[in-house]
Amino acid sequence: MPGSQPHQGLPPELLTNPEWQRACLQRDFAKVFHLVKVKAGIYPSRVAALCGMTPSRVGEIMSGRRGLAHIDVIERVADGLRIPGAMLGLAHRPWEIPSPATSRDRLASLPSRSVQASETSADAERSPDAESHSDLDDLLTLADGRVTRSTLLALRSSVEDYWRRDDEHGGASLRPAVVGHLRYVTQMMRSVRAPLRRDLQSLAAELARLAGWAYFDARQYSTARTHFTQALRLSHGQDDYLFMANVLSCMSLQATYDGQPADAVALACKAQDSARAAGGQPLVMSMLHMREAFAHATLRDAASCHQAIGRSRDAYEQARGQEGEAPSWVRYFDETKLIVDTGIALAKLGESERAEPLITEGLRRETGAQQRGRAFHAFWLATAQLQQGKLDAACHSAGLALNLSASLDSPRVAGHVNEFHQRLAPYARETPVIAFEQRMREALG
């Protein structure tokens, strides 16, 4: 029996259909699968085969009894149905980028001598050395080869500016610039010797961590994990255990978001071990214990979560008066952050009555410059209030998150707001919910 033929792509008239585009933007896969069936003639059994699902699961999604939230599954749907990544808020999918094989196919109609010459050229392009030198910027960097302390200072200043912009506006829009800078620095590493090479390697590791964070904020979890892993590899051999602890803490938080809380616990504990190897700086340890608490809360392990919160609080007390000795990247974790993160962990556990006053106090203390943090915290306050049945207050807090998200480029924040909106479905006819939905429609244009 012949094997199933691969799906070649969706009809252009479907891809340009406003209803389709809206369904993709909202990740409404019940509607997506329905339109694929009606407009492209791809029936549920075929959808299941293309996307690596069971037919019953596809049926549940189409009937609205089940949703799709895990990023890896969403990427599988995009690849199986050939939905362009941008439509679903994903990075470009591998099949959207022309591969060397495509060029080889085009060569088939050329005279044999031309084919031979072109294939030789293509082989050279595919070699790692030639591939890394193929762009003009790379060639100019190699030709220049001059790296000074001033170069390093300028690059470090750029990284600091990226982190500031990420904090104020979100990291999604920073990705192209950060990845470009990362490529530039790793290219320079090939043309200099120690000790500048070691400094460049540290800078590349920080850029890789920043790239991972930017992709994480864009909810591109698999790409983020690739960059975080790159950051760990670049830092290997430099004995910078605090930096490794920082990267591992980012990976722990991502695993919590990505529905892998057991991995998140393991990564947080490994980060703590790495920080202890560097002397156990108390403010770093306080932040890392809180990351562990988040993971335990997601697992609904209340005892372990409370223990981790207690360790975080104890480490913070030990850090008082020593904040200036902590690495710059952890100084954001002040008393306000400790309070609000404790509230978030408790909200994750469902202990909303204890969570609400803590998050409220955190929001009261935070400054207007902390846009993304305030948006997250407003969402968690709304969550704690909704858990208690305080519908008016919950919608008011969610409205604050919605307002703050308007000035951010952070799909994580937008995802939280949409998640809260879905939780309001049982109260769709209530006045505060109707008003909130109207605000959402106005915000989305």
Protein backbone atom coordinates (compact mmCIF):
# COMPACT_ATOMS: atom_id res chain seq x y z
CA MET A 1 0.00 0.00 0.00
CA PRO A 2 1.58 3.34 -0.92
CA GLY A 3 2.48 5.69 1.94
CA SER A 4 0.55 8.83 2.70
CA GLN A 5 1.52 11.73 0.47
CA PRO A 6 2.91 14.78 2.32
CA HIS A 7 0.73 17.86 2.52
CA GLN A 8 2.04 20.52 0.11
CA GLY A 9 0.38 23.65 1.49
CA LEU A 10 -2.92 25.44 2.05
CA PRO A 11 -4.81 27.27 -0.72
CA PRO A 12 -3.83 30.96 -1.06
CA GLU A 13 -7.49 31.99 -0.80
CA LEU A 14 -7.63 30.37 2.66
CA LEU A 15 -4.42 32.01 3.85
CA THR A 16 -5.78 35.44 2.89
CA ASN A 17 -9.23 34.84 4.40
CA PRO A 18 -9.82 37.32 7.31
CA GLU A 19 -11.71 34.67 9.31
CA TRP A 20 -8.75 32.30 8.95
CA GLN A 21 -6.24 34.98 9.89
CA ARG A 22 -8.26 35.91 12.97
CA ALA A 23 -8.54 32.26 14.04
CA CYS A 24 -4.77 31.81 13.69
CA LEU A 25 -4.01 35.03 15.56
CA GLN A 26 -6.22 33.90 18.45
CA ARG A 27 -4.91 30.32 18.19
CA ASP A 28 -8.52 29.14 17.93
CA PHE A 29 -7.72 25.66 16.65
CA ALA A 30 -11.37 24.56 16.64
CA LYS A 31 -11.95 27.21 13.97
CA VAL A 32 -8.61 26.51 12.25
CA PHE A 33 -9.39 22.80 11.85
CA HIS A 34 -12.95 23.58 10.72
CA LEU A 35 -11.73 25.99 8.02
CA VAL A 36 -9.06 23.53 6.91
CA LYS A 37 -11.82 20.97 6.44
CA VAL A 38 -14.29 23.27 4.66
CA LYS A 39 -11.91 25.42 2.60
CA ALA A 40 -9.03 23.03 1.92
CA GLY A 41 -10.81 19.66 1.97
CA ILE A 42 -8.49 18.25 4.66
CA TYR A 43 -10.67 16.10 6.90
CA PRO A 44 -10.04 15.46 10.61
CA SER A 45 -8.45 12.04 10.09
CA ARG A 46 -5.95 13.60 7.67
CA VAL A 47 -5.33 16.51 10.06
CA ALA A 48 -4.56 13.96 12.79
CA ALA A 49 -2.07 12.12 10.57
CA LEU A 50 -0.34 15.32 9.45
CA CYS A 51 -0.06 16.79 12.94
CA GLY A 52 0.90 13.66 14.85
CA MET A 53 -2.36 13.47 16.83
CA THR A 54 -5.07 10.90 17.29
CA PRO A 55 -8.34 11.45 15.41
CA SER A 56 -10.20 11.54 18.72
CA ARG A 57 -8.03 14.40 19.95
CA VAL A 58 -8.65 16.38 16.76
CA GLY A 59 -12.39 15.75 17.22
CA GLU A 60 -12.25 17.03 20.80
CA ILE A 61 -10.45 20.19 19.68
CA MET A 62 -12.99 20.80 16.89
CA SER A 63 -15.89 20.37 19.32
CA GLY A 64 -14.35 22.80 21.79
CA ARG A 65 -13.86 20.17 24.49
CA ARG A 66 -10.10 20.49 24.34
CA GLY A 67 -7.65 23.26 23.53
CA LEU A 68 -4.07 23.51 22.35
CA ALA A 69 -1.62 25.41 24.56
CA HIS A 70 1.68 23.50 24.48
CA ILE A 71 4.04 25.31 22.13
CA ASP A 72 5.60 22.11 20.77
CA VAL A 73 2.18 20.83 19.68
CA ILE A 74 1.31 24.19 18.11
CA GLU A 75 4.58 24.07 16.15
CA ARG A 76 3.67 20.52 15.03
CA VAL A 77 0.30 21.74 13.75
CA ALA A 78 1.98 24.62 11.90
CA ASP A 79 4.43 22.22 10.26
CA GLY A 80 1.87 19.51 9.51
CA LEU A 81 -0.65 21.84 7.87
CA ARG A 82 1.95 24.24 6.44
CA ILE A 83 0.60 27.26 8.32
CA PRO A 84 3.17 30.09 8.08
CA GLY A 85 4.77 30.63 11.47
CA ALA A 86 3.94 34.34 11.66
CA MET A 87 0.20 33.59 11.47
CA LEU A 88 0.40 31.67 14.75
CA GLY A 89 2.90 34.02 16.40
CA LEU A 90 5.79 31.61 15.79
CA ALA A 91 9.20 32.10 14.27
CA HIS A 92 9.63 31.23 10.59
CA ARG A 93 9.23 27.49 10.23
CA PRO A 94 12.14 25.54 8.67
CA TRP A 95 10.12 24.72 5.55
CA GLU A 96 9.50 28.45 4.92
CA ILE A 97 13.23 29.04 4.42
CA PRO A 98 14.67 27.81 1.08
CA SER A 99 17.12 24.97 1.61
CA PRO A 100 20.22 24.08 -0.41
CA ALA A 101 18.22 21.18 -1.87
CA THR A 102 15.89 23.66 -3.57
CA SER A 103 18.83 25.25 -5.33
CA ARG A 104 20.08 21.83 -6.34
CA ASP A 105 16.69 21.05 -7.91
CA ARG A 106 16.87 24.24 -9.94
CA LEU A 107 20.27 23.19 -11.27
CA ALA A 108 18.85 20.04 -12.86
CA SER A 109 17.94 21.85 -16.09
CA LEU A 110 21.39 23.44 -16.57
CA PRO A 111 24.13 21.96 -18.83
CA SER A 112 26.23 19.35 -17.08
CA ARG A 113 29.37 21.51 -16.87
CA SER A 114 27.37 24.29 -15.23
CA VAL A 115 25.82 21.77 -12.87
CA GLN A 116 29.22 20.46 -11.85
CA ALA A 117 30.56 23.96 -11.19
CA SER A 118 27.44 24.99 -9.32
CA GLU A 119 27.40 21.83 -7.21
CA THR A 120 31.00 22.44 -6.24
CA SER A 121 30.01 25.94 -5.18
CA ALA A 122 27.00 24.59 -3.26
CA ASP A 123 29.19 22.03 -1.46
CA ALA A 124 31.51 24.82 -0.41
CA GLU A 125 28.57 26.83 0.89
CA ARG A 126 27.38 23.90 2.98
CA SER A 127 30.74 23.41 4.67
CA PRO A 128 30.73 24.88 8.23
CA ASP A 129 33.62 27.24 7.48
CA ALA A 130 32.14 28.69 4.31
CA GLU A 131 28.65 28.82 5.77
CA SER A 132 29.80 30.99 8.66
CA HIS A 133 31.63 33.35 6.29
CA SER A 134 28.95 33.64 3.64
CA ASP A 135 27.49 37.02 4.61
CA LEU A 136 29.15 40.32 3.83
CA ASP A 137 29.07 41.43 7.46
CA ASP A 138 30.96 38.29 8.47
CA LEU A 139 33.57 38.84 5.78
CA LEU A 140 34.10 42.45 6.82
CA THR A 141 34.42 41.43 10.43
CA LEU A 142 37.08 38.87 9.57
CA ALA A 143 38.92 41.30 7.34
CA ASP A 144 38.96 43.96 10.05
CA GLY A 145 40.03 41.64 12.86
CA ARG A 146 40.66 44.58 15.23
CA VAL A 147 39.09 44.12 18.63
CA THR A 148 40.02 46.54 21.39
CA ARG A 149 38.88 47.24 24.91
CA SER A 150 36.82 50.06 23.46
CA THR A 151 35.05 47.54 21.22
CA LEU A 152 34.17 45.44 24.26
CA LEU A 153 32.93 48.45 26.22
CA ALA A 154 30.68 49.50 23.32
CA LEU A 155 29.26 46.00 22.99
CA ARG A 156 28.62 45.70 26.73
CA SER A 157 26.84 49.06 26.63
CA SER A 158 24.59 47.69 23.88
CA VAL A 159 23.75 44.65 25.99
CA GLU A 160 22.85 46.84 28.97
CA ASP A 161 20.61 48.92 26.70
CA TYR A 162 18.91 45.76 25.38
CA TRP A 163 18.12 44.62 28.93
CA ARG A 164 16.70 48.05 29.80
CA ARG A 165 14.49 48.05 26.71
CA ASP A 166 13.40 44.48 27.43
CA ASP A 167 12.35 45.49 30.93
CA GLU A 168 10.43 48.54 29.72
CA HIS A 169 8.82 47.27 26.52
CA GLY A 170 9.22 43.47 26.33
CA GLY A 171 11.75 41.37 24.48
CA ALA A 172 9.92 40.12 21.39
CA SER A 173 10.97 42.99 19.09
CA LEU A 174 14.60 42.84 20.26
CA ARG A 175 15.22 39.37 18.85
CA PRO A 176 16.64 40.30 15.40
CA ALA A 177 19.06 42.86 16.85
CA VAL A 178 20.22 40.62 19.70
CA VAL A 179 20.72 37.57 17.48
CA GLY A 180 22.60 39.75 14.97
CA HIS A 181 24.87 41.03 17.72
CA LEU A 182 25.42 37.46 18.95
CA ARG A 183 26.46 36.33 15.48
CA TYR A 184 28.78 39.35 15.18
CA VAL A 185 30.53 38.61 18.48
CA THR A 186 30.92 34.88 17.88
CA GLN A 187 32.41 35.74 14.48
CA MET A 188 34.94 38.09 16.09
CA MET A 189 35.95 35.36 18.53
CA ARG A 190 37.53 33.48 15.62
CA SER A 191 39.92 36.30 14.78
CA VAL A 192 41.35 37.31 18.17
CA ARG A 193 43.52 35.70 20.79
CA ALA A 194 43.44 35.58 24.56
CA PRO A 195 42.72 37.48 26.75
CA LEU A 196 40.31 39.40 24.50
CA ARG A 197 38.91 36.15 23.17
CA ARG A 198 37.89 35.14 26.70
CA ASP A 199 36.16 38.50 27.20
CA LEU A 200 34.37 38.10 23.87
CA GLN A 201 33.26 34.61 24.85
CA SER A 202 31.75 35.96 28.08
CA LEU A 203 29.99 38.66 26.08
CA ALA A 204 28.69 36.09 23.59
CA ALA A 205 27.36 33.99 26.47
CA GLU A 206 25.46 37.01 27.82
CA LEU A 207 24.05 37.77 24.36
CA ALA A 208 22.95 34.14 24.01
CA ARG A 209 21.18 34.38 27.37
CA LEU A 210 19.53 37.62 26.28
CA ALA A 211 18.46 36.02 22.98
CA GLY A 212 17.01 33.09 24.92
CA TRP A 213 15.09 35.48 27.17
CA ALA A 214 13.76 37.46 24.19
CA TYR A 215 12.50 34.26 22.53
CA PHE A 216 11.05 33.12 25.85
CA ASP A 217 9.15 36.41 26.17
CA ALA A 218 7.89 35.79 22.62
CA ARG A 219 6.72 32.30 23.73
CA GLN A 220 9.10 30.65 21.26
CA TYR A 221 10.17 28.11 23.83
CA SER A 222 12.15 25.64 21.73
CA THR A 223 14.25 28.43 20.17
CA ALA A 224 14.73 30.01 23.59
CA ARG A 225 15.99 26.71 24.97
CA THR A 226 18.51 26.49 22.10
CA HIS A 227 19.94 29.92 22.98
CA PHE A 228 20.02 29.20 26.71
CA THR A 229 21.93 25.99 25.98
CA GLN A 230 24.31 27.98 23.78
CA ALA A 231 24.88 30.40 26.68
CA LEU A 232 25.82 27.50 28.98
CA ARG A 233 28.21 26.08 26.40
CA LEU A 234 29.90 29.46 25.87
CA SER A 235 30.35 29.88 29.61
CA HIS A 236 31.78 26.37 30.01
CA GLY A 237 35.39 26.44 31.17
CA GLN A 238 35.19 30.02 32.45
CA ASP A 239 34.20 28.95 35.98
CA ASP A 240 31.54 31.66 36.13
CA TYR A 241 29.16 29.66 38.30
CA LEU A 242 26.91 32.62 39.07
CA PHE A 243 26.33 33.23 35.36
CA MET A 244 25.50 29.54 34.86
CA ALA A 245 23.10 29.76 37.80
CA ASN A 246 21.43 32.72 36.09
CA VAL A 247 20.98 30.83 32.81
CA LEU A 248 19.67 27.75 34.62
CA SER A 249 17.18 29.94 36.51
CA CYS A 250 15.89 31.29 33.18
CA MET A 251 15.53 27.74 31.90
CA SER A 252 13.66 26.78 35.08
CA LEU A 253 11.16 29.60 34.61
CA GLN A 254 10.70 28.64 30.97
CA ALA A 255 10.09 24.99 31.90
CA THR A 256 7.41 26.17 34.35
CA TYR A 257 5.70 28.10 31.55
CA ASP A 258 6.18 25.23 29.10
CA GLY A 259 4.23 22.75 31.24
CA GLN A 260 7.30 20.90 32.54
CA PRO A 261 7.30 21.77 36.26
CA ALA A 262 9.31 18.69 37.29
CA ASP A 263 12.10 19.80 34.95
CA ALA A 264 11.71 23.32 36.36
CA VAL A 265 12.36 22.03 39.89
CA ALA A 266 15.46 20.12 38.73
CA LEU A 267 16.83 23.17 36.88
CA ALA A 268 16.21 25.49 39.85
CA CYS A 269 17.98 23.07 42.18
CA LYS A 270 20.90 22.76 39.75
CA ALA A 271 21.07 26.57 39.59
CA GLN A 272 21.26 26.68 43.39
CA ASP A 273 24.12 24.15 43.35
CA SER A 274 25.96 26.27 40.80
CA ALA A 275 25.46 29.42 42.91
CA ARG A 276 26.71 27.62 46.02
CA ALA A 277 29.88 26.69 44.13
CA ALA A 278 30.44 30.46 43.75
CA GLY A 279 29.93 31.08 47.47
CA GLY A 280 26.15 31.10 47.73
CA GLN A 281 25.58 34.84 47.21
CA PRO A 282 22.41 35.38 49.34
CA LEU A 283 20.39 37.58 46.96
CA VAL A 284 21.02 35.12 44.10
CA MET A 285 19.99 32.24 46.36
CA SER A 286 16.80 34.09 47.36
CA MET A 287 15.79 34.50 43.71
CA LEU A 288 16.64 30.88 42.89
CA HIS A 289 14.59 29.53 45.80
CA MET A 290 11.63 31.54 44.50
CA ARG A 291 12.04 29.98 41.04
CA GLU A 292 11.89 26.59 42.75
CA ALA A 293 8.76 27.70 44.61
CA PHE A 294 7.06 28.57 41.30
CA ALA A 295 7.78 25.09 39.97
CA HIS A 296 6.47 23.37 43.12
CA ALA A 297 3.34 25.53 42.99
CA THR A 298 2.70 24.44 39.40
CA LEU A 299 3.03 20.83 40.59
CA ARG A 300 0.52 21.69 43.37
CA ASP A 301 3.08 20.53 45.94
CA ALA A 302 2.08 22.95 48.69
CA ALA A 303 4.53 21.70 51.34
CA SER A 304 7.57 21.98 49.05
CA CYS A 305 6.39 25.34 47.72
CA HIS A 306 6.05 26.83 51.22
CA GLN A 307 9.46 25.46 52.19
CA ALA A 308 11.06 27.06 49.12
CA ILE A 309 9.32 30.39 49.88
CA GLY A 310 10.69 30.21 53.42
CA ARG A 311 14.22 29.59 52.15
CA SER A 312 13.84 32.51 49.74
CA ARG A 313 12.72 34.81 52.55
CA ASP A 314 15.57 33.67 54.84
CA ALA A 315 18.18 34.20 52.11
CA TYR A 316 16.76 37.66 51.42
CA GLU A 317 17.10 38.61 55.08
CA GLN A 318 20.71 37.46 54.93
CA ALA A 319 21.22 39.64 51.83
CA ARG A 320 20.03 42.86 53.52
CA GLY A 321 22.77 45.45 53.48
CA GLN A 322 24.78 43.43 50.94
CA GLU A 323 22.77 44.27 47.80
CA GLY A 324 25.72 46.13 46.30
CA GLU A 325 27.79 42.93 46.39
CA ALA A 326 25.26 41.01 44.31
CA PRO A 327 25.62 40.65 40.51
CA SER A 328 23.84 43.45 38.64
CA TRP A 329 21.46 41.01 36.93
CA VAL A 330 19.84 39.94 40.22
CA ARG A 331 19.41 43.36 41.83
CA TYR A 332 15.89 43.59 40.39
CA PHE A 333 14.97 41.02 43.06
CA ASP A 334 14.27 43.53 45.83
CA GLU A 335 11.82 43.36 48.73
CA THR A 336 8.93 44.36 46.48
CA LYS A 337 9.73 41.52 44.08
CA LEU A 338 10.02 39.05 46.96
CA ILE A 339 6.58 40.09 48.21
CA VAL A 340 4.83 39.95 44.84
CA ASP A 341 6.49 36.68 43.78
CA THR A 342 5.43 35.10 47.07
CA GLY A 343 1.88 36.17 46.22
CA ILE A 344 2.14 34.69 42.72
CA ALA A 345 3.38 31.35 44.08
CA LEU A 346 0.46 31.26 46.51
CA ALA A 347 -1.97 32.15 43.71
CA LYS A 348 -0.58 29.27 41.68
CA LEU A 349 -1.32 27.00 44.64
CA GLY A 350 -4.88 28.34 44.85
CA GLU A 351 -4.27 30.09 48.19
CA SER A 352 -5.84 33.26 46.84
CA GLU A 353 -6.85 34.90 50.13
CA ARG A 354 -3.19 35.00 51.20
CA ALA A 355 -1.98 35.88 47.70
CA GLU A 356 -4.21 38.91 47.02
CA PRO A 357 -2.84 41.34 49.65
CA LEU A 358 0.76 40.47 48.78
CA ILE A 359 0.32 41.12 45.06
CA THR A 360 -1.69 44.28 45.81
CA GLU A 361 1.15 45.59 47.95
CA GLY A 362 3.70 44.74 45.25
CA LEU A 363 1.72 46.67 42.64
CA ARG A 364 1.40 49.63 45.02
CA ARG A 365 5.17 49.79 45.44
CA GLU A 366 6.18 49.33 41.81
CA THR A 367 7.12 52.28 39.63
CA GLY A 368 5.59 53.23 36.29
CA ALA A 369 8.81 52.24 34.50
CA GLN A 370 8.24 48.57 35.37
CA GLN A 371 5.60 48.13 32.68
CA ARG A 372 5.93 44.43 31.94
CA GLY A 373 6.28 43.45 35.60
CA ARG A 374 3.21 45.48 36.53
CA ALA A 375 1.23 43.87 33.70
CA PHE A 376 2.15 40.36 34.92
CA HIS A 377 1.35 41.24 38.50
CA ALA A 378 -2.00 42.77 37.56
CA PHE A 379 -2.87 39.51 35.80
CA TRP A 380 -1.98 37.47 38.89
CA LEU A 381 -3.97 39.84 41.10
CA ALA A 382 -6.96 39.35 38.79
CA THR A 383 -6.43 35.58 39.02
CA ALA A 384 -6.38 35.62 42.83
CA GLN A 385 -9.51 37.79 42.91
CA LEU A 386 -11.36 35.58 40.45
CA GLN A 387 -10.49 32.51 42.54
CA GLN A 388 -12.36 34.20 45.41
CA GLY A 389 -15.37 35.09 43.24
CA LYS A 390 -14.58 38.83 43.26
CA LEU A 391 -15.67 39.36 39.68
CA ASP A 392 -15.74 43.19 39.70
CA ALA A 393 -12.28 43.47 41.25
CA ALA A 394 -10.87 40.75 38.99
CA CYS A 395 -12.08 42.47 35.82
CA HIS A 396 -10.72 45.79 37.07
CA SER A 397 -7.27 44.27 37.68
CA ALA A 398 -7.35 42.49 34.32
CA GLY A 399 -8.20 45.84 32.73
CA LEU A 400 -5.01 47.27 34.24
CA ALA A 401 -3.03 44.39 32.73
CA LEU A 402 -4.72 45.02 29.39
CA ASN A 403 -3.87 48.74 29.50
CA LEU A 404 -0.23 48.06 30.36
CA SER A 405 0.09 45.42 27.65
CA ALA A 406 -0.81 48.03 25.00
CA SER A 407 2.68 49.57 25.35
CA LEU A 408 4.51 46.23 25.43
CA ASP A 409 5.77 43.85 22.77
CA SER A 410 5.48 40.76 24.94
CA PRO A 411 3.45 37.77 23.74
CA ARG A 412 3.81 36.35 27.26
CA VAL A 413 1.80 39.25 28.66
CA ALA A 414 -0.74 39.06 25.83
CA GLY A 415 -1.05 35.32 26.43
CA HIS A 416 -1.84 35.88 30.11
CA VAL A 417 -4.53 38.42 29.26
CA ASN A 418 -6.11 36.00 26.76
CA GLU A 419 -5.87 33.19 29.33
CA PHE A 420 -7.77 35.30 31.86
CA HIS A 421 -10.37 36.19 29.23
CA GLN A 422 -11.01 32.47 28.63
CA ARG A 423 -11.54 31.94 32.36
CA LEU A 424 -14.35 34.49 32.25
CA ALA A 425 -16.44 32.32 29.90
CA PRO A 426 -18.80 31.06 32.66
CA TYR A 427 -19.58 34.70 33.54
CA ALA A 428 -20.08 35.96 29.99
CA ARG A 429 -23.42 37.65 30.77
CA GLU A 430 -22.20 39.50 33.85
CA THR A 431 -21.84 43.29 33.52
CA PRO A 432 -18.13 43.53 34.51
CA VAL A 433 -17.24 40.80 32.01
CA ILE A 434 -19.16 42.47 29.20
CA ALA A 435 -17.31 45.73 29.96
CA PHE A 436 -13.94 43.94 30.01
CA GLU A 437 -14.65 42.23 26.69
CA GLN A 438 -15.52 45.61 25.18
CA ARG A 439 -12.16 46.96 26.37
CA MET A 440 -10.42 43.98 24.80
CA ARG A 441 -12.14 44.57 21.47
CA GLU A 442 -11.11 48.23 21.55
CA ALA A 443 -7.52 47.31 22.46
CA LEU A 444 -7.31 44.77 19.61
CA GLY A 445 -8.70 47.26 17.13
